[in-house]
Amino acid sequence: QVQLVESGGGLVQAGGSLRLSCAASGRTLSSYNMAWFRQAPGKEREFAAVINWNGEYTYYAISVKGRFTISRDNAKNTVYLRMNSLKPEDTAVYYCAAADGLGSSLPTGAGRYDYWGQGTQVTVSS
């Protein structure tokens, strides 16, 4: 079992930045592909970014590409999401997710992920 705990969310003005963290326990994350999803009120959960097990490959949703950066530190068992140039439409609960055994595959569907955190709220004011 992998337990994931997100942190770093909060209230920020449009144009500001935040860095989310996802700390894992229970198992090392070094073999897991990791992703960030988000869910705004009244909307379905949507993919934001994914990184493969060793950090060599990343992929982003069009809506966040160029503004968000996903990274990982396997020694710290932690994944990050750096969010710059935030917009009010980025307001959502952000979740990290883990999937094992995918190699260099970078799935964007939530159903491909085995473990989820509880989420952290990000609110961007205009």
C-alpha atoms as a PDB file:
ATOM      1  CA  GLN A   1       0.000   0.000   0.000  1.00  0.00           C
ATOM      2  CA  VAL A   2       1.073   3.531  -0.740  1.00  0.00           C
ATOM      3  CA  GLN A   3      -0.201   6.462   1.274  1.00  0.00           C
ATOM      4  CA  LEU A   4      -0.040   9.861  -0.400  1.00  0.00           C
ATOM      5  CA  VAL A   5      -0.387  13.196   1.391  1.00  0.00           C
ATOM      6  CA  GLU A   6      -0.596  16.463  -0.510  1.00  0.00           C
ATOM      7  CA  SER A   7       0.336  19.847   0.920  1.00  0.00           C
ATOM      8  CA  GLY A   8       1.114  23.367  -0.218  1.00  0.00           C
ATOM      9  CA  GLY A   9      -2.311  24.501  -1.347  1.00  0.00           C
ATOM     10  CA  GLY A  10      -3.789  27.825  -0.347  1.00  0.00           C
ATOM     11  CA  LEU A  11      -5.196  31.141  -1.491  1.00  0.00           C
ATOM     12  CA  VAL A  12      -3.194  33.125  -4.038  1.00  0.00           C
ATOM     13  CA  GLN A  13      -3.882  36.071  -6.310  1.00  0.00           C
ATOM     14  CA  ALA A  14      -4.027  35.660 -10.056  1.00  0.00           C
ATOM     15  CA  GLY A  15      -0.524  35.696 -11.494  1.00  0.00           C
ATOM     16  CA  GLY A  16       0.951  34.223  -8.342  1.00  0.00           C
ATOM     17  CA  SER A  17       2.696  30.929  -7.723  1.00  0.00           C
ATOM     18  CA  LEU A  18       2.380  27.902  -5.487  1.00  0.00           C
ATOM     19  CA  ARG A  19       4.306  24.680  -5.082  1.00  0.00           C
ATOM     20  CA  LEU A  20       2.374  21.570  -4.161  1.00  0.00           C
ATOM     21  CA  SER A  21       4.055  18.577  -2.565  1.00  0.00           C
ATOM     22  CA  CYS A  22       2.967  14.962  -2.454  1.00  0.00           C
ATOM     23  CA  ALA A  23       4.741  12.876   0.162  1.00  0.00           C
ATOM     24  CA  ALA A  24       4.493   9.110   0.058  1.00  0.00           C
ATOM     25  CA  SER A  25       4.782   6.506   2.762  1.00  0.00           C
ATOM     26  CA  GLY A  26       4.394   2.781   2.859  1.00  0.00           C
ATOM     27  CA  ARG A  27       6.523   2.125  -0.177  1.00  0.00           C
ATOM     28  CA  THR A  28       9.222   3.853  -2.135  1.00  0.00           C
ATOM     29  CA  LEU A  29       7.913   5.829  -5.086  1.00  0.00           C
ATOM     30  CA  SER A  30      10.931   5.118  -7.247  1.00  0.00           C
ATOM     31  CA  SER A  31       9.071   2.594  -9.423  1.00  0.00           C
ATOM     32  CA  TYR A  32       5.821   4.560  -9.675  1.00  0.00           C
ATOM     33  CA  ASN A  33       4.672   6.981 -12.320  1.00  0.00           C
ATOM     34  CA  MET A  34       3.109   9.966 -10.597  1.00  0.00           C
ATOM     35  CA  ALA A  35       0.455  12.391 -11.698  1.00  0.00           C
ATOM     36  CA  TRP A  36      -1.461  15.429 -10.547  1.00  0.00           C
ATOM     37  CA  PHE A  37      -5.164  15.755 -11.198  1.00  0.00           C
ATOM     38  CA  ARG A  38      -7.553  18.502 -10.197  1.00  0.00           C
ATOM     39  CA  GLN A  39     -11.259  18.851  -9.604  1.00  0.00           C
ATOM     40  CA  ALA A  40     -13.130  22.124  -9.609  1.00  0.00           C
ATOM     41  CA  PRO A  41     -16.562  22.472  -7.971  1.00  0.00           C
ATOM     42  CA  GLY A  42     -19.244  20.907 -10.126  1.00  0.00           C
ATOM     43  CA  LYS A  43     -16.740  19.500 -12.606  1.00  0.00           C
ATOM     44  CA  GLU A  44     -15.154  16.140 -13.229  1.00  0.00           C
ATOM     45  CA  ARG A  45     -11.653  15.350 -12.088  1.00  0.00           C
ATOM     46  CA  GLU A  46      -9.198  16.278 -14.837  1.00  0.00           C
ATOM     47  CA  PHE A  47      -5.609  15.441 -15.597  1.00  0.00           C
ATOM     48  CA  ALA A  48      -2.969  18.126 -15.084  1.00  0.00           C
ATOM     49  CA  ALA A  49       0.525  16.593 -15.284  1.00  0.00           C
ATOM     50  CA  VAL A  50       2.372  13.274 -15.124  1.00  0.00           C
ATOM     51  CA  ILE A  51       5.980  12.204 -14.631  1.00  0.00           C
ATOM     52  CA  ASN A  52       7.492   8.805 -15.187  1.00  0.00           C
ATOM     53  CA  TRP A  53       9.288   6.798 -12.519  1.00  0.00           C
ATOM     54  CA  ASN A  54      12.746   8.334 -12.949  1.00  0.00           C
ATOM     55  CA  GLY A  55      11.707  11.840 -13.954  1.00  0.00           C
ATOM     56  CA  GLU A  56      12.932  11.486 -17.530  1.00  0.00           C
ATOM     57  CA  TYR A  57       9.547  12.047 -19.132  1.00  0.00           C
ATOM     58  CA  THR A  58       6.725  14.448 -18.367  1.00  0.00           C
ATOM     59  CA  TYR A  59       3.452  15.364 -20.006  1.00  0.00           C
ATOM     60  CA  TYR A  60       1.023  18.196 -19.348  1.00  0.00           C
ATOM     61  CA  ALA A  61      -2.549  19.103 -20.059  1.00  0.00           C
ATOM     62  CA  ILE A  62      -2.793  21.907 -22.594  1.00  0.00           C
ATOM     63  CA  SER A  63      -4.459  24.103 -19.996  1.00  0.00           C
ATOM     64  CA  VAL A  64      -1.374  24.074 -17.741  1.00  0.00           C
ATOM     65  CA  LYS A  65       1.503  23.538 -20.154  1.00  0.00           C
ATOM     66  CA  GLY A  66       4.106  26.259 -19.885  1.00  0.00           C
ATOM     67  CA  ARG A  67       2.852  27.333 -16.460  1.00  0.00           C
ATOM     68  CA  PHE A  68       3.072  24.168 -14.345  1.00  0.00           C
ATOM     69  CA  THR A  69       6.104  21.960 -13.779  1.00  0.00           C
ATOM     70  CA  ILE A  70       5.981  18.472 -12.297  1.00  0.00           C
ATOM     71  CA  SER A  71       9.107  17.071 -10.692  1.00  0.00           C
ATOM     72  CA  ARG A  72      10.111  14.384  -8.246  1.00  0.00           C
ATOM     73  CA  ASP A  73      12.749  13.572  -5.670  1.00  0.00           C
ATOM     74  CA  ASN A  74      12.823   9.826  -5.233  1.00  0.00           C
ATOM     75  CA  ALA A  75      15.302  10.108  -2.374  1.00  0.00           C
ATOM     76  CA  LYS A  76      12.664  12.102  -0.466  1.00  0.00           C
ATOM     77  CA  ASN A  77       9.774  10.002  -1.775  1.00  0.00           C
ATOM     78  CA  THR A  78       8.094  13.213  -2.857  1.00  0.00           C
ATOM     79  CA  VAL A  79       6.553  14.635  -6.020  1.00  0.00           C
ATOM     80  CA  TYR A  80       6.046  18.324  -6.663  1.00  0.00           C
ATOM     81  CA  LEU A  81       3.887  20.547  -8.812  1.00  0.00           C
ATOM     82  CA  ARG A  82       5.193  24.041  -9.324  1.00  0.00           C
ATOM     83  CA  MET A  83       2.390  26.318 -10.504  1.00  0.00           C
ATOM     84  CA  ASN A  84       3.206  29.722 -11.956  1.00  0.00           C
ATOM     85  CA  SER A  85       1.049  32.418 -13.545  1.00  0.00           C
ATOM     86  CA  LEU A  86      -1.989  31.063 -11.761  1.00  0.00           C
ATOM     87  CA  LYS A  87      -5.436  31.917 -13.085  1.00  0.00           C
ATOM     88  CA  PRO A  88      -8.840  31.877 -11.367  1.00  0.00           C
ATOM     89  CA  GLU A  89      -9.747  28.872 -13.515  1.00  0.00           C
ATOM     90  CA  ASP A  90      -6.951  26.910 -11.816  1.00  0.00           C
ATOM     91  CA  THR A  91      -9.046  26.933  -8.637  1.00  0.00           C
ATOM     92  CA  ALA A  92      -9.646  23.306  -7.674  1.00  0.00           C
ATOM     93  CA  VAL A  93      -8.762  20.537  -5.281  1.00  0.00           C
ATOM     94  CA  TYR A  94      -5.478  19.064  -6.468  1.00  0.00           C
ATOM     95  CA  TYR A  95      -4.792  15.365  -6.054  1.00  0.00           C
ATOM     96  CA  CYS A  96      -1.652  13.356  -6.576  1.00  0.00           C
ATOM     97  CA  ALA A  97      -1.860   9.804  -7.818  1.00  0.00           C
ATOM     98  CA  ALA A  98       0.522   6.889  -8.223  1.00  0.00           C
ATOM     99  CA  ALA A  99       0.675   4.020 -10.695  1.00  0.00           C
ATOM    100  CA  ASP A 100       3.149   1.149 -10.715  1.00  0.00           C
ATOM    101  CA  GLY A 101       4.622  -0.787 -13.586  1.00  0.00           C
ATOM    102  CA  LEU A 102       4.009   1.707 -16.387  1.00  0.00           C
ATOM    103  CA  GLY A 103       7.623   2.290 -17.416  1.00  0.00           C
ATOM    104  CA  SER A 104       7.777   5.281 -19.716  1.00  0.00           C
ATOM    105  CA  SER A 105       4.008   5.312 -20.295  1.00  0.00           C
ATOM    106  CA  LEU A 106       2.364   8.559 -19.213  1.00  0.00           C
ATOM    107  CA  PRO A 107      -1.362   7.896 -18.836  1.00  0.00           C
ATOM    108  CA  THR A 108      -3.772  10.758 -18.405  1.00  0.00           C
ATOM    109  CA  GLY A 109      -6.811   8.750 -17.358  1.00  0.00           C
ATOM    110  CA  ALA A 110      -7.625   8.629 -13.670  1.00  0.00           C
ATOM    111  CA  GLY A 111      -8.532   4.963 -13.916  1.00  0.00           C
ATOM    112  CA  ARG A 112      -4.909   4.039 -14.616  1.00  0.00           C
ATOM    113  CA  TYR A 113      -3.779   5.125 -11.169  1.00  0.00           C
ATOM    114  CA  ASP A 114      -3.810   2.873  -8.145  1.00  0.00           C
ATOM    115  CA  TYR A 115      -3.309   5.242  -5.231  1.00  0.00           C
ATOM    116  CA  TRP A 116      -4.625   8.703  -4.469  1.00  0.00           C
ATOM    117  CA  GLY A 117      -4.059  11.384  -1.882  1.00  0.00           C
ATOM    118  CA  GLN A 118      -6.803  13.253  -0.081  1.00  0.00           C
ATOM    119  CA  GLY A 119      -6.283  16.457  -2.034  1.00  0.00           C
ATOM    120  CA  THR A 120      -5.227  20.011  -1.279  1.00  0.00           C
ATOM    121  CA  GLN A 121      -7.311  23.098  -2.076  1.00  0.00           C
ATOM    122  CA  VAL A 122      -5.922  25.748  -4.397  1.00  0.00           C
ATOM    123  CA  THR A 123      -7.910  28.961  -4.706  1.00  0.00           C
ATOM    124  CA  VAL A 124      -6.878  31.697  -7.121  1.00  0.00           C
ATOM    125  CA  SER A 125      -8.541  35.063  -6.673  1.00  0.00           C
ATOM    126  CA  SER A 126      -8.984  37.547  -9.507  1.00  0.00           C
END
